[in-house]
Amino acid sequence: MLGIDGYVVRVEADSSPGTPALAIIGLPDRALNEARERVRSAIFNSGFMYPAGRLLINLSPADVPRRA
């Protein structure tokens, strides 16, 4: 929400081999960086296995700030 207007944010995710890590990009607010554990819990609670490698989450458009 931006004021009383909503807007669409597209979420793109990529899982690749490498050192286990989770990155959220696309101008995230500081609170969204703290959402890593919530993302991990959501993956587990949805019945999926957490990826063994790197997980990258992109929020677009990048020019609209996000807040939790």
PDB file of N, CA and C in Angstrom:
ATOM      1  N   MET A   1       0.847  -1.180   0.000  1.00  0.00           N
ATOM      2  CA  MET A   1       0.000   0.000   0.000  1.00  0.00           C
ATOM      3  C   MET A   1       0.887   1.237   0.000  1.00  0.00           C
ATOM      4  N   LEU A   2       0.496   2.202  -0.770  1.00  0.00           N
ATOM      5  CA  LEU A   2       1.163   3.492  -0.794  1.00  0.00           C
ATOM      6  C   LEU A   2       0.074   4.507  -0.535  1.00  0.00           C
ATOM      7  N   GLY A   3      -0.019   4.979   0.713  1.00  0.00           N
ATOM      8  CA  GLY A   3      -1.167   5.786   1.081  1.00  0.00           C
ATOM      9  C   GLY A   3      -2.377   4.875   1.094  1.00  0.00           C
ATOM     10  N   ILE A   4      -3.412   5.221   0.324  1.00  0.00           N
ATOM     11  CA  ILE A   4      -4.569   4.331   0.217  1.00  0.00           C
ATOM     12  C   ILE A   4      -4.593   3.595  -1.114  1.00  0.00           C
ATOM     13  N   ASP A   5      -3.566   3.826  -1.938  1.00  0.00           N
ATOM     14  CA  ASP A   5      -3.475   3.173  -3.244  1.00  0.00           C
ATOM     15  C   ASP A   5      -2.599   1.928  -3.153  1.00  0.00           C
ATOM     16  N   GLY A   6      -3.083   0.830  -3.699  1.00  0.00           N
ATOM     17  CA  GLY A   6      -2.282  -0.384  -3.771  1.00  0.00           C
ATOM     18  C   GLY A   6      -1.519  -0.418  -5.084  1.00  0.00           C
ATOM     19  N   TYR A   7      -0.479  -1.183  -5.157  1.00  0.00           N
ATOM     20  CA  TYR A   7       0.271  -1.348  -6.393  1.00  0.00           C
ATOM     21  C   TYR A   7       0.808  -2.766  -6.466  1.00  0.00           C
ATOM     22  N   VAL A   8       1.101  -3.195  -7.667  1.00  0.00           N
ATOM     23  CA  VAL A   8       1.565  -4.557  -7.909  1.00  0.00           C
ATOM     24  C   VAL A   8       3.086  -4.620  -7.754  1.00  0.00           C
ATOM     25  N   VAL A   9       3.545  -5.601  -7.001  1.00  0.00           N
ATOM     26  CA  VAL A   9       4.970  -5.878  -6.871  1.00  0.00           C
ATOM     27  C   VAL A   9       5.184  -7.297  -7.364  1.00  0.00           C
ATOM     28  N   ARG A  10       6.021  -7.462  -8.364  1.00  0.00           N
ATOM     29  CA  ARG A  10       6.324  -8.787  -8.897  1.00  0.00           C
ATOM     30  C   ARG A  10       7.473  -9.384  -8.097  1.00  0.00           C
ATOM     31  N   VAL A  11       7.323 -10.640  -7.705  1.00  0.00           N
ATOM     32  CA  VAL A  11       8.346 -11.346  -6.943  1.00  0.00           C
ATOM     33  C   VAL A  11       8.941 -12.418  -7.846  1.00  0.00           C
ATOM     34  N   GLU A  12      10.247 -12.350  -8.028  1.00  0.00           N
ATOM     35  CA  GLU A  12      10.965 -13.351  -8.814  1.00  0.00           C
ATOM     36  C   GLU A  12      11.951 -14.040  -7.883  1.00  0.00           C
ATOM     37  N   ALA A  13      12.052 -15.346  -7.971  1.00  0.00           N
ATOM     38  CA  ALA A  13      12.960 -16.095  -7.099  1.00  0.00           C
ATOM     39  C   ALA A  13      13.848 -17.001  -7.932  1.00  0.00           C
ATOM     40  N   ASP A  14      15.076 -17.187  -7.467  1.00  0.00           N
ATOM     41  CA  ASP A  14      16.026 -18.064  -8.138  1.00  0.00           C
ATOM     42  C   ASP A  14      16.773 -18.869  -7.087  1.00  0.00           C
ATOM     43  N   SER A  15      16.903 -20.154  -7.330  1.00  0.00           N
ATOM     44  CA  SER A  15      17.671 -21.035  -6.464  1.00  0.00           C
ATOM     45  C   SER A  15      18.833 -21.570  -7.285  1.00  0.00           C
ATOM     46  N   SER A  16      20.045 -21.410  -6.756  1.00  0.00           N
ATOM     47  CA  SER A  16      21.215 -21.880  -7.492  1.00  0.00           C
ATOM     48  C   SER A  16      22.193 -22.532  -6.517  1.00  0.00           C
ATOM     49  N   PRO A  17      23.085 -23.387  -7.047  1.00  0.00           N
ATOM     50  CA  PRO A  17      24.061 -24.032  -6.171  1.00  0.00           C
ATOM     51  C   PRO A  17      25.036 -23.003  -5.609  1.00  0.00           C
ATOM     52  N   GLY A  18      25.622 -23.306  -4.491  1.00  0.00           N
ATOM     53  CA  GLY A  18      26.600 -22.420  -3.876  1.00  0.00           C
ATOM     54  C   GLY A  18      26.451 -22.434  -2.369  1.00  0.00           C
ATOM     55  N   THR A  19      27.136 -21.518  -1.731  1.00  0.00           N
ATOM     56  CA  THR A  19      27.065 -21.383  -0.288  1.00  0.00           C
ATOM     57  C   THR A  19      25.651 -20.989   0.105  1.00  0.00           C
ATOM     58  N   PRO A  20      25.029 -21.682   1.065  1.00  0.00           N
ATOM     59  CA  PRO A  20      23.663 -21.348   1.455  1.00  0.00           C
ATOM     60  C   PRO A  20      23.524 -19.886   1.885  1.00  0.00           C
ATOM     61  N   ALA A  21      22.591 -19.183   1.251  1.00  0.00           N
ATOM     62  CA  ALA A  21      22.350 -17.775   1.556  1.00  0.00           C
ATOM     63  C   ALA A  21      20.977 -17.386   1.040  1.00  0.00           C
ATOM     64  N   LEU A  22      20.427 -16.327   1.604  1.00  0.00           N
ATOM     65  CA  LEU A  22      19.159 -15.770   1.154  1.00  0.00           C
ATOM     66  C   LEU A  22      19.351 -14.279   0.983  1.00  0.00           C
ATOM     67  N   ALA A  23      19.057 -13.756  -0.204  1.00  0.00           N
ATOM     68  CA  ALA A  23      19.184 -12.329  -0.471  1.00  0.00           C
ATOM     69  C   ALA A  23      17.867 -11.810  -1.029  1.00  0.00           C
ATOM     70  N   ILE A  24      17.434 -10.656  -0.519  1.00  0.00           N
ATOM     71  CA  ILE A  24      16.238  -9.980  -1.024  1.00  0.00           C
ATOM     72  C   ILE A  24      16.719  -8.670  -1.630  1.00  0.00           C
ATOM     73  N   ILE A  25      16.455  -8.463  -2.932  1.00  0.00           N
ATOM     74  CA  ILE A  25      16.927  -7.258  -3.613  1.00  0.00           C
ATOM     75  C   ILE A  25      15.749  -6.513  -4.227  1.00  0.00           C
ATOM     76  N   GLY A  26      15.979  -5.277  -4.636  1.00  0.00           N
ATOM     77  CA  GLY A  26      14.941  -4.464  -5.252  1.00  0.00           C
ATOM     78  C   GLY A  26      14.438  -3.391  -4.303  1.00  0.00           C
ATOM     79  N   LEU A  27      15.340  -2.637  -3.694  1.00  0.00           N
ATOM     80  CA  LEU A  27      15.025  -1.566  -2.749  1.00  0.00           C
ATOM     81  C   LEU A  27      14.185  -1.998  -1.556  1.00  0.00           C
ATOM     82  N   PRO A  28      14.525  -3.098  -0.905  1.00  0.00           N
ATOM     83  CA  PRO A  28      13.731  -3.494   0.256  1.00  0.00           C
ATOM     84  C   PRO A  28      13.999  -2.588   1.446  1.00  0.00           C
ATOM     85  N   ASP A  29      13.001  -2.361   2.253  1.00  0.00           N
ATOM     86  CA  ASP A  29      13.132  -1.635   3.505  1.00  0.00           C
ATOM     87  C   ASP A  29      13.928  -2.501   4.476  1.00  0.00           C
ATOM     88  N   ARG A  30      14.518  -1.908   5.490  1.00  0.00           N
ATOM     89  CA  ARG A  30      15.326  -2.653   6.468  1.00  0.00           C
ATOM     90  C   ARG A  30      14.516  -3.780   7.117  1.00  0.00           C
ATOM     91  N   ALA A  31      13.246  -3.577   7.350  1.00  0.00           N
ATOM     92  CA  ALA A  31      12.408  -4.615   7.965  1.00  0.00           C
ATOM     93  C   ALA A  31      12.267  -5.829   7.057  1.00  0.00           C
ATOM     94  N   LEU A  32      12.320  -5.636   5.741  1.00  0.00           N
ATOM     95  CA  LEU A  32      12.221  -6.779   4.837  1.00  0.00           C
ATOM     96  C   LEU A  32      13.469  -7.635   4.887  1.00  0.00           C
ATOM     97  N   ASN A  33      14.619  -7.032   5.182  1.00  0.00           N
ATOM     98  CA  ASN A  33      15.828  -7.844   5.354  1.00  0.00           C
ATOM     99  C   ASN A  33      15.680  -8.761   6.552  1.00  0.00           C
ATOM    100  N   GLU A  34      14.907  -8.333   7.542  1.00  0.00           N
ATOM    101  CA  GLU A  34      14.677  -9.156   8.720  1.00  0.00           C
ATOM    102  C   GLU A  34      13.632 -10.232   8.454  1.00  0.00           C
ATOM    103  N   ALA A  35      13.052 -10.252   7.272  1.00  0.00           N
ATOM    104  CA  ALA A  35      12.007 -11.215   6.932  1.00  0.00           C
ATOM    105  C   ALA A  35      12.579 -12.555   6.489  1.00  0.00           C
ATOM    106  N   ARG A  36      13.884 -12.720   6.507  1.00  0.00           N
ATOM    107  CA  ARG A  36      14.491 -13.971   6.032  1.00  0.00           C
ATOM    108  C   ARG A  36      13.934 -15.188   6.755  1.00  0.00           C
ATOM    109  N   GLU A  37      13.786 -15.102   8.064  1.00  0.00           N
ATOM    110  CA  GLU A  37      13.260 -16.242   8.818  1.00  0.00           C
ATOM    111  C   GLU A  37      11.798 -16.499   8.472  1.00  0.00           C
ATOM    112  N   ARG A  38      11.034 -15.440   8.190  1.00  0.00           N
ATOM    113  CA  ARG A  38       9.633 -15.638   7.798  1.00  0.00           C
ATOM    114  C   ARG A  38       9.546 -16.316   6.439  1.00  0.00           C
ATOM    115  N   VAL A  39      10.455 -15.978   5.519  1.00  0.00           N
ATOM    116  CA  VAL A  39      10.483 -16.630   4.200  1.00  0.00           C
ATOM    117  C   VAL A  39      10.827 -18.102   4.376  1.00  0.00           C
ATOM    118  N   ARG A  40      11.825 -18.368   5.197  1.00  0.00           N
ATOM    119  CA  ARG A  40      12.234 -19.757   5.446  1.00  0.00           C
ATOM    120  C   ARG A  40      11.083 -20.564   6.039  1.00  0.00           C
ATOM    121  N   SER A  41      10.385 -19.994   7.025  1.00  0.00           N
ATOM    122  CA  SER A  41       9.244 -20.677   7.638  1.00  0.00           C
ATOM    123  C   SER A  41       8.120 -20.896   6.645  1.00  0.00           C
ATOM    124  N   ALA A  42       7.869 -19.914   5.794  1.00  0.00           N
ATOM    125  CA  ALA A  42       6.803 -20.039   4.797  1.00  0.00           C
ATOM    126  C   ALA A  42       7.101 -21.166   3.816  1.00  0.00           C
ATOM    127  N   ILE A  43       8.367 -21.317   3.425  1.00  0.00           N
ATOM    128  CA  ILE A  43       8.739 -22.404   2.514  1.00  0.00           C
ATOM    129  C   ILE A  43       8.488 -23.751   3.179  1.00  0.00           C
ATOM    130  N   PHE A  44       8.947 -23.910   4.417  1.00  0.00           N
ATOM    131  CA  PHE A  44       8.733 -25.164   5.144  1.00  0.00           C
ATOM    132  C   PHE A  44       7.247 -25.444   5.354  1.00  0.00           C
ATOM    133  N   ASN A  45       6.486 -24.435   5.790  1.00  0.00           N
ATOM    134  CA  ASN A  45       5.071 -24.626   6.095  1.00  0.00           C
ATOM    135  C   ASN A  45       4.210 -24.854   4.853  1.00  0.00           C
ATOM    136  N   SER A  46       4.754 -24.536   3.675  1.00  0.00           N
ATOM    137  CA  SER A  46       4.050 -24.803   2.424  1.00  0.00           C
ATOM    138  C   SER A  46       4.298 -26.224   1.938  1.00  0.00           C
ATOM    139  N   GLY A  47       5.129 -26.970   2.673  1.00  0.00           N
ATOM    140  CA  GLY A  47       5.389 -28.354   2.305  1.00  0.00           C
ATOM    141  C   GLY A  47       6.576 -28.530   1.372  1.00  0.00           C
ATOM    142  N   PHE A  48       7.330 -27.469   1.138  1.00  0.00           N
ATOM    143  CA  PHE A  48       8.499 -27.548   0.263  1.00  0.00           C
ATOM    144  C   PHE A  48       9.754 -27.711   1.095  1.00  0.00           C
ATOM    145  N   MET A  49      10.798 -28.259   0.485  1.00  0.00           N
ATOM    146  CA  MET A  49      12.098 -28.351   1.150  1.00  0.00           C
ATOM    147  C   MET A  49      12.842 -27.043   0.873  1.00  0.00           C
ATOM    148  N   TYR A  50      13.561 -26.547   1.876  1.00  0.00           N
ATOM    149  CA  TYR A  50      14.346 -25.327   1.697  1.00  0.00           C
ATOM    150  C   TYR A  50      15.519 -25.635   0.768  1.00  0.00           C
ATOM    151  N   PRO A  51      15.772 -24.794  -0.241  1.00  0.00           N
ATOM    152  CA  PRO A  51      16.865 -25.057  -1.182  1.00  0.00           C
ATOM    153  C   PRO A  51      18.211 -25.142  -0.466  1.00  0.00           C
ATOM    154  N   ALA A  52      19.064 -26.040  -0.917  1.00  0.00           N
ATOM    155  CA  ALA A  52      20.362 -26.254  -0.281  1.00  0.00           C
ATOM    156  C   ALA A  52      21.367 -25.158  -0.614  1.00  0.00           C
ATOM    157  N   GLY A  53      21.190 -24.441  -1.708  1.00  0.00           N
ATOM    158  CA  GLY A  53      22.168 -23.435  -2.138  1.00  0.00           C
ATOM    159  C   GLY A  53      21.688 -22.015  -1.894  1.00  0.00           C
ATOM    160  N   ARG A  54      22.022 -21.151  -2.821  1.00  0.00           N
ATOM    161  CA  ARG A  54      21.682 -19.733  -2.719  1.00  0.00           C
ATOM    162  C   ARG A  54      20.253 -19.490  -3.176  1.00  0.00           C
ATOM    163  N   LEU A  55      19.540 -18.634  -2.460  1.00  0.00           N
ATOM    164  CA  LEU A  55      18.175 -18.256  -2.805  1.00  0.00           C
ATOM    165  C   LEU A  55      18.155 -16.743  -2.973  1.00  0.00           C
ATOM    166  N   LEU A  56      17.763 -16.279  -4.157  1.00  0.00           N
ATOM    167  CA  LEU A  56      17.718 -14.860  -4.469  1.00  0.00           C
ATOM    168  C   LEU A  56      16.274 -14.472  -4.741  1.00  0.00           C
ATOM    169  N   ILE A  57      15.787 -13.434  -4.071  1.00  0.00           N
ATOM    170  CA  ILE A  57      14.427 -12.951  -4.264  1.00  0.00           C
ATOM    171  C   ILE A  57      14.506 -11.518  -4.750  1.00  0.00           C
ATOM    172  N   ASN A  58      13.907 -11.243  -5.908  1.00  0.00           N
ATOM    173  CA  ASN A  58      13.913  -9.910  -6.502  1.00  0.00           C
ATOM    174  C   ASN A  58      12.505  -9.333  -6.441  1.00  0.00           C
ATOM    175  N   LEU A  59      12.388  -8.106  -5.938  1.00  0.00           N
ATOM    176  CA  LEU A  59      11.116  -7.394  -5.890  1.00  0.00           C
ATOM    177  C   LEU A  59      11.157  -6.311  -6.954  1.00  0.00           C
ATOM    178  N   SER A  60      10.194  -6.299  -7.879  1.00  0.00           N
ATOM    179  CA  SER A  60      10.197  -5.275  -8.917  1.00  0.00           C
ATOM    180  C   SER A  60       8.801  -4.687  -9.059  1.00  0.00           C
ATOM    181  N   PRO A  61       8.641  -3.448  -9.406  1.00  0.00           N
ATOM    182  CA  PRO A  61       9.689  -2.530  -9.853  1.00  0.00           C
ATOM    183  C   PRO A  61      10.556  -2.053  -8.689  1.00  0.00           C
ATOM    184  N   ALA A  62      11.826  -1.823  -8.974  1.00  0.00           N
ATOM    185  CA  ALA A  62      12.794  -1.486  -7.935  1.00  0.00           C
ATOM    186  C   ALA A  62      12.693  -0.033  -7.472  1.00  0.00           C
ATOM    187  N   ASP A  63      11.970   0.813  -8.203  1.00  0.00           N
ATOM    188  CA  ASP A  63      11.900   2.223  -7.823  1.00  0.00           C
ATOM    189  C   ASP A  63      10.816   2.530  -6.808  1.00  0.00           C
ATOM    190  N   VAL A  64      10.048   1.498  -6.363  1.00  0.00           N
ATOM    191  CA  VAL A  64       9.001   1.684  -5.361  1.00  0.00           C
ATOM    192  C   VAL A  64       9.482   1.063  -4.052  1.00  0.00           C
ATOM    193  N   PRO A  65       9.697   1.891  -3.001  1.00  0.00           N
ATOM    194  CA  PRO A  65      10.176   1.332  -1.727  1.00  0.00           C
ATOM    195  C   PRO A  65       9.153   0.374  -1.110  1.00  0.00           C
ATOM    196  N   ARG A  66       9.637  -0.689  -0.448  1.00  0.00           N
ATOM    197  CA  ARG A  66       8.775  -1.665   0.224  1.00  0.00           C
ATOM    198  C   ARG A  66       8.947  -1.521   1.715  1.00  0.00           C
ATOM    199  N   ARG A  67       7.868  -1.730   2.438  1.00  0.00           N
ATOM    200  CA  ARG A  67       7.917  -1.735   3.897  1.00  0.00           C
ATOM    201  C   ARG A  67       7.145  -2.938   4.381  1.00  0.00           C
ATOM    202  N   ALA A  68       7.614  -3.554   5.481  1.00  0.00           N
ATOM    203  CA  ALA A  68       6.918  -4.709   6.051  1.00  0.00           C
ATOM    204  C   ALA A  68       5.706  -4.251   6.840  1.00  0.00           C
TER     205      ALA A  68
END
